[in-house]
Protein backbone atom coordinates (compact mmCIF):
# COMPACT_ATOMS: atom_id res chain seq x y z
CA MET A 1 41.94 -35.15 -46.50
CA ALA A 2 42.62 -31.68 -45.91
CA VAL A 3 39.17 -30.88 -46.56
CA TRP A 4 38.08 -33.42 -43.50
CA GLU A 5 40.60 -32.00 -41.53
CA GLY A 6 39.93 -28.30 -42.02
CA LEU A 7 36.13 -28.98 -41.17
CA ILE A 8 37.40 -31.08 -38.26
CA ALA A 9 38.92 -28.20 -36.91
CA PHE A 10 36.27 -25.98 -37.81
CA ILE A 11 33.48 -28.14 -35.84
CA VAL A 12 36.10 -28.36 -32.84
CA PHE A 13 36.69 -24.23 -32.50
CA VAL A 14 32.98 -23.76 -33.11
CA VAL A 15 32.29 -26.30 -30.05
CA ALA A 16 35.01 -24.85 -28.18
CA LEU A 17 33.67 -21.15 -28.90
CA TYR A 18 30.11 -22.73 -27.66
CA LEU A 19 31.27 -24.02 -24.40
CA THR A 20 33.06 -20.70 -23.82
CA PHE A 21 29.81 -18.72 -23.86
CA ALA A 22 27.71 -21.97 -22.36
CA ILE A 23 29.61 -22.86 -19.72
CA LYS A 24 28.77 -20.73 -16.65
CA VAL A 25 30.60 -20.85 -12.87
CA LEU A 26 28.70 -19.05 -10.03
CA ARG A 27 30.25 -18.71 -6.31
CA GLU A 28 28.48 -19.67 -3.04
CA TYR A 29 27.06 -16.84 -2.42
CA GLU A 30 25.96 -15.70 -6.02
CA ARG A 31 22.82 -16.64 -7.75
CA ALA A 32 21.42 -16.04 -11.68
CA VAL A 33 18.04 -15.43 -12.79
CA LYS A 34 17.71 -17.09 -16.16
CA PHE A 35 15.47 -15.68 -18.86
CA ARG A 36 14.83 -18.18 -22.50
CA LEU A 37 13.63 -15.90 -25.24
CA GLY A 38 12.55 -13.10 -22.30
CA ARG A 39 10.67 -15.65 -20.14
CA PHE A 40 11.60 -16.54 -16.48
CA ALA A 41 13.52 -20.05 -16.74
CA GLY A 42 14.36 -20.70 -13.52
CA ILE A 43 17.45 -19.70 -10.68
CA LYS A 44 20.80 -20.93 -11.43
CA GLY A 45 23.76 -21.28 -9.47
CA PRO A 46 26.15 -21.75 -7.23
CA GLY A 47 28.50 -23.87 -9.16
CA ILE A 48 28.79 -24.87 -13.00
CA PHE A 49 25.96 -25.24 -15.08
CA LEU A 50 25.01 -24.76 -18.83
CA ILE A 51 23.04 -22.29 -20.61
CA VAL A 52 22.23 -21.85 -24.28
CA PRO A 53 24.22 -18.92 -26.27
CA ILE A 54 21.78 -15.78 -27.77
CA LEU A 55 18.35 -17.69 -26.32
CA ASP A 56 19.65 -17.17 -22.67
CA ARG A 57 20.24 -14.34 -20.76
CA LEU A 58 21.31 -14.06 -17.22
CA ARG A 59 21.19 -11.74 -13.99
CA LYS A 60 23.49 -11.76 -11.40
CA VAL A 61 22.22 -11.29 -7.71
CA ASP A 62 24.41 -11.51 -4.71
CA LEU A 63 22.93 -12.90 -1.76
CA ARG A 64 25.68 -11.29 0.88
CA THR A 65 24.35 -8.59 3.19
CA ILE A 66 24.74 -5.23 2.01
CA THR A 67 25.50 -1.85 3.63
CA LEU A 68 23.42 1.06 2.49
CA ASP A 69 24.23 4.45 3.37
CA VAL A 70 21.23 6.77 3.77
CA PRO A 71 22.61 10.28 2.94
CA LYS A 72 21.32 13.34 4.90
CA GLN A 73 18.07 13.96 5.44
CA ARG A 74 16.50 17.25 6.78
CA VAL A 75 13.66 16.19 8.85
CA VAL A 76 11.69 18.53 10.86
CA THR A 77 10.61 17.46 13.76
CA ARG A 78 6.88 17.49 15.59
CA ASP A 79 8.19 20.11 17.88
CA ASN A 80 9.46 22.16 15.04
CA VAL A 81 13.57 21.64 14.91
CA SER A 82 15.09 21.09 11.92
CA VAL A 83 17.73 18.46 11.97
CA ASP A 84 20.09 16.90 10.02
CA VAL A 85 20.13 13.16 9.88
CA ASP A 86 21.83 9.96 8.38
CA ALA A 87 21.38 6.24 8.62
CA VAL A 88 23.02 3.03 7.41
CA VAL A 89 20.41 -0.24 6.50
CA TYR A 90 21.70 -3.23 6.35
CA MET A 91 19.52 -5.72 3.77
CA ARG A 92 19.86 -8.79 1.73
CA VAL A 93 18.25 -10.60 -0.99
CA MET A 94 16.26 -13.61 -0.24
CA ASN A 95 14.63 -14.24 -3.38
CA PRO A 96 16.56 -13.05 -6.42
CA GLY A 97 13.93 -13.70 -8.72
CA ASP A 98 11.60 -10.97 -6.80
CA ALA A 99 14.54 -9.04 -6.42
CA ILE A 100 14.88 -8.58 -10.56
CA MET A 101 11.16 -8.56 -11.51
CA LYS A 102 9.53 -7.03 -9.36
CA VAL A 103 11.65 -3.69 -8.90
CA GLU A 104 14.34 -2.18 -10.88
CA HIS A 105 17.39 -1.99 -9.60
CA TYR A 106 16.12 -2.91 -5.98
CA ILE A 107 19.12 -0.85 -4.36
CA MET A 108 18.17 2.08 -5.48
CA ALA A 109 14.80 1.34 -4.99
CA THR A 110 15.48 0.58 -1.06
CA SER A 111 17.81 3.53 -0.50
CA LEU A 112 15.09 5.96 -2.01
CA LEU A 113 12.64 4.26 0.00
CA ALA A 114 14.60 4.35 3.84
CA GLN A 115 15.05 7.95 3.13
CA THR A 116 11.45 8.55 2.73
CA THR A 117 10.74 6.73 5.78
CA LEU A 118 13.41 8.00 7.60
CA ARG A 119 11.69 11.84 7.37
CA ASP A 120 7.98 10.27 7.35
CA VAL A 121 8.89 8.32 10.96
CA LEU A 122 11.31 10.74 12.31
CA GLY A 123 9.00 13.99 11.72
CA GLN A 124 6.53 12.42 13.98
CA LYS A 125 8.67 12.18 16.85
CA ASN A 126 9.57 15.09 19.25
CA LEU A 127 13.90 16.58 19.20
CA ASP A 128 14.05 14.85 23.03
CA GLU A 129 12.80 11.53 21.91
CA LEU A 130 14.90 11.90 18.43
CA LEU A 131 17.98 12.04 20.83
CA THR A 132 16.86 9.79 23.31
CA LYS A 133 15.03 6.75 22.12
CA ARG A 134 17.57 5.94 19.44
CA ASP A 135 16.71 1.99 19.45
CA GLU A 136 13.26 2.34 19.33
CA LEU A 137 13.19 4.58 16.11
CA ASN A 138 15.86 1.96 14.78
CA LEU A 139 13.57 -0.75 15.27
CA SER A 140 10.70 0.74 14.33
CA LEU A 141 12.18 2.14 11.00
CA GLN A 142 13.63 -1.36 10.46
CA LYS A 143 10.00 -3.12 10.94
CA ILE A 144 8.43 -0.55 8.29
CA LEU A 145 11.14 -1.37 5.86
CA ASP A 146 11.41 -4.97 6.34
CA GLU A 147 7.50 -4.62 5.30
CA ALA A 148 8.01 -2.93 2.43
CA THR A 149 10.48 -4.75 1.02
CA ASP A 150 9.17 -8.25 1.43
CA PRO A 151 7.58 -8.35 -1.91
CA TRP A 152 10.68 -7.75 -3.41
CA GLY A 153 12.53 -10.68 -2.09
CA ILE A 154 14.47 -8.12 0.01
CA LYS A 155 15.10 -8.48 3.44
CA VAL A 156 15.88 -5.42 5.67
CA SER A 157 17.69 -7.15 8.76
CA SER A 158 18.71 -3.84 10.59
CA VAL A 159 18.91 0.02 10.29
CA THR A 160 20.89 2.21 12.40
CA ILE A 161 20.62 6.00 12.60
CA LYS A 162 24.33 7.41 12.58
CA ASP A 163 24.27 10.85 13.60
CA VAL A 164 21.66 13.63 14.21
CA SER A 165 22.95 17.12 13.49
CA LEU A 166 21.56 19.90 15.65
CA PRO A 167 21.44 23.71 14.66
CA GLU A 168 24.43 25.48 16.44
CA GLU A 169 21.10 27.73 18.67
CA MET A 170 19.69 24.43 19.30
CA LEU A 171 22.93 23.47 20.70
CA ARG A 172 23.40 26.33 22.94
CA ALA A 173 20.00 25.97 24.68
CA ILE A 174 20.10 22.17 25.22
CA ALA A 175 23.77 23.07 27.12
CA LYS A 176 22.05 25.49 29.35
CA GLN A 177 18.78 23.59 29.61
CA ALA A 178 21.19 20.98 30.37
CA GLU A 179 23.17 23.43 33.18
CA ALA A 180 19.89 24.03 34.84
CA GLU A 181 18.99 20.41 35.28
CA ARG A 182 22.36 19.80 36.91
CA GLU A 183 21.48 22.68 39.58
CA ARG A 184 18.01 21.79 40.16
CA ARG A 185 19.71 18.75 40.91
CA SER A 186 21.92 20.29 43.12
CA ARG A 187 19.63 22.20 45.01
CA VAL A 188 17.17 19.62 45.75
CA ILE A 189 19.77 17.64 47.03
CA MET A 190 21.19 20.06 49.54
CA ALA A 191 17.49 20.86 50.53
CA LYS A 192 17.29 17.07 51.10
CA GLY A 193 20.40 17.32 53.65
CA GLU A 194 18.90 19.99 55.43
CA TYR A 195 15.63 18.64 56.03
CA GLU A 196 17.57 15.54 57.31
CA ALA A 197 19.60 17.82 59.59
CA ALA A 198 16.70 19.60 60.72
CA LYS A 199 15.40 16.28 61.40
CA LYS A 200 18.56 15.11 63.35
CA MET A 201 18.63 18.32 65.37
CA ALA A 202 15.45 18.33 66.60
CA GLU A 203 15.69 14.99 67.79
CA ALA A 204 18.89 15.85 69.73
CA ALA A 205 16.86 19.15 71.43
CA ARG A 206 14.30 16.71 72.16
CA GLN A 207 16.74 14.76 73.82
CA TYR A 208 18.37 17.42 75.85
CA GLN A 209 15.18 18.97 76.44
CA GLN A 210 14.61 15.16 78.49
CA ASN A 211 18.21 14.96 79.86
CA PRO A 212 19.66 18.63 81.12
CA SER A 213 22.94 16.85 81.89
CA ALA A 214 23.16 15.36 78.92
CA LEU A 215 22.81 19.31 77.86
CA ARG A 216 25.43 20.48 80.22
CA LEU A 217 28.01 17.70 79.10
CA ARG A 218 27.81 19.07 75.42
CA GLU A 219 28.06 22.48 76.64
CA LEU A 220 31.53 21.42 78.29
CA GLN A 221 32.61 19.72 75.21
CA THR A 222 32.29 22.71 73.11
CA LEU A 223 34.19 24.71 75.68
CA THR A 224 36.93 22.43 75.02
CA GLU A 225 36.73 21.98 71.79
CA ILE A 226 37.04 25.95 71.76
CA ALA A 227 39.72 26.46 74.08
CA ARG A 228 42.50 24.78 71.96
CA GLU A 229 42.76 28.20 70.17
CA LYS A 230 44.96 29.59 72.32
CA ASN A 231 44.04 33.01 70.67
CA MET A 232 40.58 33.15 71.17
CA ILE A 233 38.98 34.54 74.19
CA VAL A 234 35.42 33.43 75.36
CA VAL A 235 32.74 35.22 76.93
CA THR A 236 29.83 32.94 78.64
CA PRO A 237 26.56 33.40 79.84
CA THR A 238 26.23 33.77 83.72
CA GLN A 239 24.93 30.22 83.98
CA VAL A 240 27.37 28.74 81.84
CA GLY A 241 30.31 30.33 83.57
CA THR A 242 29.11 28.67 86.75
CA GLY A 243 31.47 25.80 87.23
CA LEU A 244 34.36 27.48 84.76
CA GLY A 245 36.74 26.05 87.03
CA GLU A 246 35.88 22.73 85.91
CA VAL A 247 35.99 24.09 82.64
CA LEU A 248 39.46 25.41 82.43
CA SER A 249 40.88 22.44 84.97
CA LEU A 250 39.59 19.89 82.04
CA THR A 251 41.17 22.08 79.05
CA SER A 252 44.20 22.35 80.96
CA ALA A 253 44.19 18.06 81.47
CA VAL A 254 43.47 18.06 77.70
CA MET A 255 46.18 20.31 76.69
CA LYS A 256 48.88 18.86 78.96
CA LYS A 257 47.80 15.50 77.47
CA ARG A 258 48.23 16.53 74.25
CA LYS A 259 51.93 17.92 74.84
CA LYS A 260 52.63 14.34 75.86
């Protein structure tokens, strides 16, 4: 009887040990690529499933989006400027079987591919394009990486250039260029203002030429404004001096009105 009890206990122990290694549980965002005796035997998960211990081997794959930091790369632009550029790649596994069987260490492979692609694409651009057309460059990098990693079962959803580090002398040159551009715009605006003012003055001169009375009234108005300065002496030509009494009377009336 004791022998049978020991045998049953041994069988229970073996079954429990077998189930411990045979039962597997995967989360919703995980998949497992199963190999039986080295051959591909399907993709398992999520949830609970059984494997044959010793005969089966599993490789887990995370289906969530992976943020891949691309380290700084030294890039020589088309106009021979050396800059340091780093980027971020957002990728996720779409086909776990391809990610495991068609490439070794798919994350490392994608990272190295992103580094070489970053240097190749940005090396074909000028510095101005690199600084001003960053959105277009991001889309171009994303498209190239996505096409290259598609056979690996990987989807590159986005690529973002984080930072572009310029040499100190280049920063000073860009600052001078920006200052010169602002000065140019200021001069252009001033010139446009002078041009518009000259046009208006020319139109006013033609109106005064056609209407001498208007010119006379303008002269009187100017003298009235000058007379507001108490310590100022005004010397007028003879033709302007004619009727100076009217000017003085008008000035006196204006000053009295202001005192009231």
